[in-house]
Amino acid sequence: MPEGEPIAGKTYRADGWQYVDLPTRLSHEMKDVFFGVIGEGNYAILACTELPGPDGYWRGQLLISPEGQERMLTHSKSAA
């Protein structure tokens, strides 16, 4: 990812948001779980591909806030 902010006028990266390129496709159900763990307002979608329907999927590149990162870590520790 190039240096600087990917969204003009925002300071996401300067504020500690991390770039994430999901390594796999998520079912629509898992996408909802994933974003539920991160929490509303703790992610910014940069690009995505979605195939609707029962056999569909979602895949994307996003920025996750420091709070969202902490929420993911807490969730991972509790699931172990």
N, C-alpha and C. Protein backbone atom coordinates (compact mmCIF):
# COMPACT_ATOMS: atom_id res chain seq x y z
N MET A 1 0.85 -1.17 0.00
CA MET A 1 0.00 0.00 0.00
C MET A 1 0.89 1.24 0.00
N PRO A 2 0.62 2.21 -0.83
CA PRO A 2 1.44 3.42 -0.88
C PRO A 2 1.43 4.18 0.43
N GLU A 3 2.46 4.97 0.65
CA GLU A 3 2.52 5.84 1.82
C GLU A 3 1.38 6.84 1.76
N GLY A 4 1.02 7.40 2.90
CA GLY A 4 -0.02 8.42 2.94
C GLY A 4 -1.38 7.84 3.22
N GLU A 5 -2.35 8.69 3.21
CA GLU A 5 -3.73 8.31 3.51
C GLU A 5 -4.44 7.83 2.25
N PRO A 6 -5.14 6.69 2.34
CA PRO A 6 -5.84 6.18 1.16
C PRO A 6 -7.14 6.92 0.86
N ILE A 7 -7.65 7.66 1.83
CA ILE A 7 -8.89 8.40 1.64
C ILE A 7 -8.60 9.88 1.89
N ALA A 8 -8.75 10.67 0.85
CA ALA A 8 -8.44 12.10 0.95
C ALA A 8 -9.21 12.76 2.09
N GLY A 9 -8.50 13.59 2.85
CA GLY A 9 -9.13 14.33 3.93
C GLY A 9 -9.26 13.57 5.24
N LYS A 10 -8.85 12.31 5.28
CA LYS A 10 -8.93 11.49 6.49
C LYS A 10 -7.52 11.27 7.06
N THR A 11 -7.45 10.92 8.33
CA THR A 11 -6.16 10.68 8.98
C THR A 11 -6.11 9.28 9.58
N TYR A 12 -6.74 8.32 8.93
CA TYR A 12 -6.80 6.96 9.46
C TYR A 12 -5.43 6.39 9.80
N ARG A 13 -4.54 6.35 8.85
CA ARG A 13 -3.23 5.74 9.08
C ARG A 13 -2.43 6.51 10.11
N ALA A 14 -2.51 7.82 10.08
CA ALA A 14 -1.82 8.64 11.07
C ALA A 14 -2.38 8.38 12.47
N ASP A 15 -3.63 7.96 12.55
CA ASP A 15 -4.28 7.69 13.83
C ASP A 15 -4.16 6.22 14.26
N GLY A 16 -3.35 5.45 13.55
CA GLY A 16 -3.08 4.07 13.96
C GLY A 16 -3.95 3.00 13.33
N TRP A 17 -4.77 3.37 12.36
CA TRP A 17 -5.59 2.36 11.69
C TRP A 17 -4.67 1.48 10.84
N GLN A 18 -4.94 0.17 10.83
CA GLN A 18 -4.13 -0.79 10.10
C GLN A 18 -4.83 -1.25 8.82
N TYR A 19 -4.04 -1.40 7.77
CA TYR A 19 -4.54 -1.92 6.51
C TYR A 19 -4.66 -3.44 6.61
N VAL A 20 -5.78 -3.99 6.15
CA VAL A 20 -6.00 -5.43 6.14
C VAL A 20 -6.52 -5.83 4.77
N ASP A 21 -5.85 -6.81 4.18
CA ASP A 21 -6.31 -7.42 2.93
C ASP A 21 -6.70 -8.83 3.30
N LEU A 22 -8.00 -9.09 3.40
CA LEU A 22 -8.45 -10.41 3.83
C LEU A 22 -7.87 -11.50 2.93
N PRO A 23 -7.30 -12.53 3.54
CA PRO A 23 -6.64 -13.57 2.75
C PRO A 23 -7.60 -14.55 2.11
N THR A 24 -8.87 -14.43 2.42
CA THR A 24 -9.84 -15.38 1.89
C THR A 24 -11.20 -14.70 1.71
N ARG A 25 -12.11 -15.41 1.11
CA ARG A 25 -13.49 -14.94 0.97
C ARG A 25 -14.25 -15.30 2.24
N LEU A 26 -15.19 -14.45 2.61
CA LEU A 26 -16.06 -14.72 3.75
C LEU A 26 -17.47 -14.97 3.26
N SER A 27 -18.13 -15.95 3.85
CA SER A 27 -19.55 -16.10 3.57
C SER A 27 -20.23 -14.84 4.10
N HIS A 28 -21.45 -14.60 3.68
CA HIS A 28 -22.16 -13.41 4.15
C HIS A 28 -22.36 -13.48 5.66
N GLU A 29 -22.60 -14.67 6.18
CA GLU A 29 -22.77 -14.84 7.62
C GLU A 29 -21.46 -14.51 8.36
N MET A 30 -20.34 -15.01 7.87
CA MET A 30 -19.06 -14.74 8.52
C MET A 30 -18.65 -13.27 8.39
N LYS A 31 -19.03 -12.64 7.29
CA LYS A 31 -18.76 -11.21 7.14
C LYS A 31 -19.46 -10.44 8.25
N ASP A 32 -20.70 -10.78 8.52
CA ASP A 32 -21.45 -10.12 9.59
C ASP A 32 -20.80 -10.36 10.95
N VAL A 33 -20.33 -11.58 11.19
CA VAL A 33 -19.63 -11.88 12.45
C VAL A 33 -18.34 -11.08 12.53
N PHE A 34 -17.57 -11.06 11.47
CA PHE A 34 -16.29 -10.35 11.42
C PHE A 34 -16.48 -8.87 11.74
N PHE A 35 -17.42 -8.22 11.07
CA PHE A 35 -17.66 -6.81 11.32
C PHE A 35 -18.30 -6.58 12.69
N GLY A 36 -19.05 -7.55 13.19
CA GLY A 36 -19.61 -7.44 14.52
C GLY A 36 -18.52 -7.45 15.59
N VAL A 37 -17.50 -8.26 15.39
CA VAL A 37 -16.38 -8.31 16.33
C VAL A 37 -15.62 -6.98 16.30
N ILE A 38 -15.34 -6.47 15.13
CA ILE A 38 -14.60 -5.21 14.99
C ILE A 38 -15.41 -4.05 15.56
N GLY A 39 -16.70 -4.04 15.29
CA GLY A 39 -17.58 -3.00 15.80
C GLY A 39 -17.83 -1.88 14.81
N GLU A 40 -19.04 -1.41 14.81
CA GLU A 40 -19.45 -0.32 13.92
C GLU A 40 -18.57 0.92 14.16
N GLY A 41 -18.14 1.52 13.08
CA GLY A 41 -17.31 2.72 13.17
C GLY A 41 -15.83 2.44 13.33
N ASN A 42 -15.45 1.15 13.41
CA ASN A 42 -14.05 0.79 13.59
C ASN A 42 -13.42 0.22 12.34
N TYR A 43 -14.06 0.40 11.21
CA TYR A 43 -13.48 -0.06 9.94
C TYR A 43 -13.90 0.88 8.82
N ALA A 44 -13.05 0.93 7.81
CA ALA A 44 -13.34 1.68 6.58
C ALA A 44 -13.02 0.74 5.42
N ILE A 45 -14.01 0.44 4.60
CA ILE A 45 -13.81 -0.45 3.46
C ILE A 45 -13.20 0.36 2.32
N LEU A 46 -12.05 -0.12 1.84
CA LEU A 46 -11.37 0.54 0.73
C LEU A 46 -11.80 -0.03 -0.61
N ALA A 47 -11.97 -1.35 -0.67
CA ALA A 47 -12.40 -2.03 -1.89
C ALA A 47 -12.98 -3.37 -1.49
N CYS A 48 -13.95 -3.84 -2.27
CA CYS A 48 -14.51 -5.16 -1.97
C CYS A 48 -15.10 -5.78 -3.23
N THR A 49 -15.25 -7.08 -3.14
CA THR A 49 -15.92 -7.86 -4.17
C THR A 49 -16.98 -8.68 -3.46
N GLU A 50 -18.17 -8.70 -4.02
CA GLU A 50 -19.24 -9.44 -3.38
C GLU A 50 -20.03 -10.21 -4.42
N LEU A 51 -20.30 -11.46 -4.09
CA LEU A 51 -21.18 -12.29 -4.91
C LEU A 51 -22.41 -12.57 -4.05
N PRO A 52 -23.57 -12.02 -4.43
CA PRO A 52 -24.77 -12.22 -3.61
C PRO A 52 -25.30 -13.65 -3.72
N GLY A 53 -26.24 -13.94 -2.85
CA GLY A 53 -26.91 -15.23 -2.91
C GLY A 53 -26.43 -16.18 -1.83
N PRO A 54 -27.12 -17.30 -1.69
CA PRO A 54 -26.80 -18.26 -0.63
C PRO A 54 -25.40 -18.87 -0.75
N ASP A 55 -24.87 -18.97 -1.94
CA ASP A 55 -23.52 -19.50 -2.13
C ASP A 55 -22.52 -18.37 -2.38
N GLY A 56 -22.94 -17.15 -2.10
CA GLY A 56 -22.10 -15.99 -2.37
C GLY A 56 -21.02 -15.78 -1.32
N TYR A 57 -20.27 -14.72 -1.52
CA TYR A 57 -19.17 -14.41 -0.61
C TYR A 57 -18.90 -12.91 -0.61
N TRP A 58 -18.04 -12.50 0.31
CA TRP A 58 -17.55 -11.13 0.39
C TRP A 58 -16.05 -11.19 0.62
N ARG A 59 -15.31 -10.33 -0.06
CA ARG A 59 -13.87 -10.23 0.13
C ARG A 59 -13.52 -8.76 0.02
N GLY A 60 -12.56 -8.30 0.83
CA GLY A 60 -12.25 -6.89 0.76
C GLY A 60 -10.94 -6.49 1.38
N GLN A 61 -10.62 -5.23 1.14
CA GLN A 61 -9.47 -4.57 1.74
C GLN A 61 -10.02 -3.43 2.57
N LEU A 62 -9.53 -3.31 3.80
CA LEU A 62 -10.08 -2.32 4.69
C LEU A 62 -9.03 -1.79 5.65
N LEU A 63 -9.41 -0.74 6.34
CA LEU A 63 -8.63 -0.20 7.44
C LEU A 63 -9.39 -0.51 8.72
N ILE A 64 -8.66 -0.90 9.76
CA ILE A 64 -9.27 -1.20 11.05
C ILE A 64 -8.66 -0.29 12.10
N SER A 65 -9.52 0.35 12.88
CA SER A 65 -9.09 1.29 13.91
C SER A 65 -8.36 0.57 15.04
N PRO A 66 -7.60 1.31 15.86
CA PRO A 66 -6.97 0.69 17.02
C PRO A 66 -7.99 0.00 17.94
N GLU A 67 -9.16 0.60 18.13
CA GLU A 67 -10.19 -0.05 18.96
C GLU A 67 -10.66 -1.35 18.31
N GLY A 68 -10.85 -1.34 17.00
CA GLY A 68 -11.25 -2.55 16.29
C GLY A 68 -10.19 -3.63 16.38
N GLN A 69 -8.91 -3.23 16.33
CA GLN A 69 -7.82 -4.19 16.47
C GLN A 69 -7.84 -4.82 17.85
N GLU A 70 -8.08 -4.00 18.86
CA GLU A 70 -8.15 -4.49 20.24
C GLU A 70 -9.34 -5.43 20.42
N ARG A 71 -10.45 -5.10 19.81
CA ARG A 71 -11.63 -5.95 19.88
C ARG A 71 -11.37 -7.31 19.23
N MET A 72 -10.64 -7.32 18.10
CA MET A 72 -10.29 -8.57 17.44
C MET A 72 -9.39 -9.41 18.34
N LEU A 73 -8.40 -8.78 18.97
CA LEU A 73 -7.48 -9.47 19.86
C LEU A 73 -8.23 -10.08 21.05
N THR A 74 -9.10 -9.29 21.66
CA THR A 74 -9.89 -9.77 22.79
C THR A 74 -10.76 -10.95 22.38
N HIS A 75 -11.37 -10.85 21.22
CA HIS A 75 -12.22 -11.93 20.71
C HIS A 75 -11.38 -13.19 20.47
N SER A 76 -10.21 -13.04 19.88
CA SER A 76 -9.34 -14.20 19.61
C SER A 76 -8.90 -14.88 20.90
N LYS A 77 -8.56 -14.08 21.90
CA LYS A 77 -8.12 -14.66 23.18
C LYS A 77 -9.26 -15.40 23.87
N SER A 78 -10.48 -14.87 23.77
CA SER A 78 -11.61 -15.51 24.43
C SER A 78 -12.06 -16.78 23.70
N ALA A 79 -11.76 -16.88 22.43
CA ALA A 79 -12.14 -18.04 21.64
C ALA A 79 -11.14 -19.19 21.77
N ALA A 80 -9.96 -18.88 22.29
CA ALA A 80 -8.89 -19.90 22.39
C ALA A 80 -9.10 -20.85 23.53
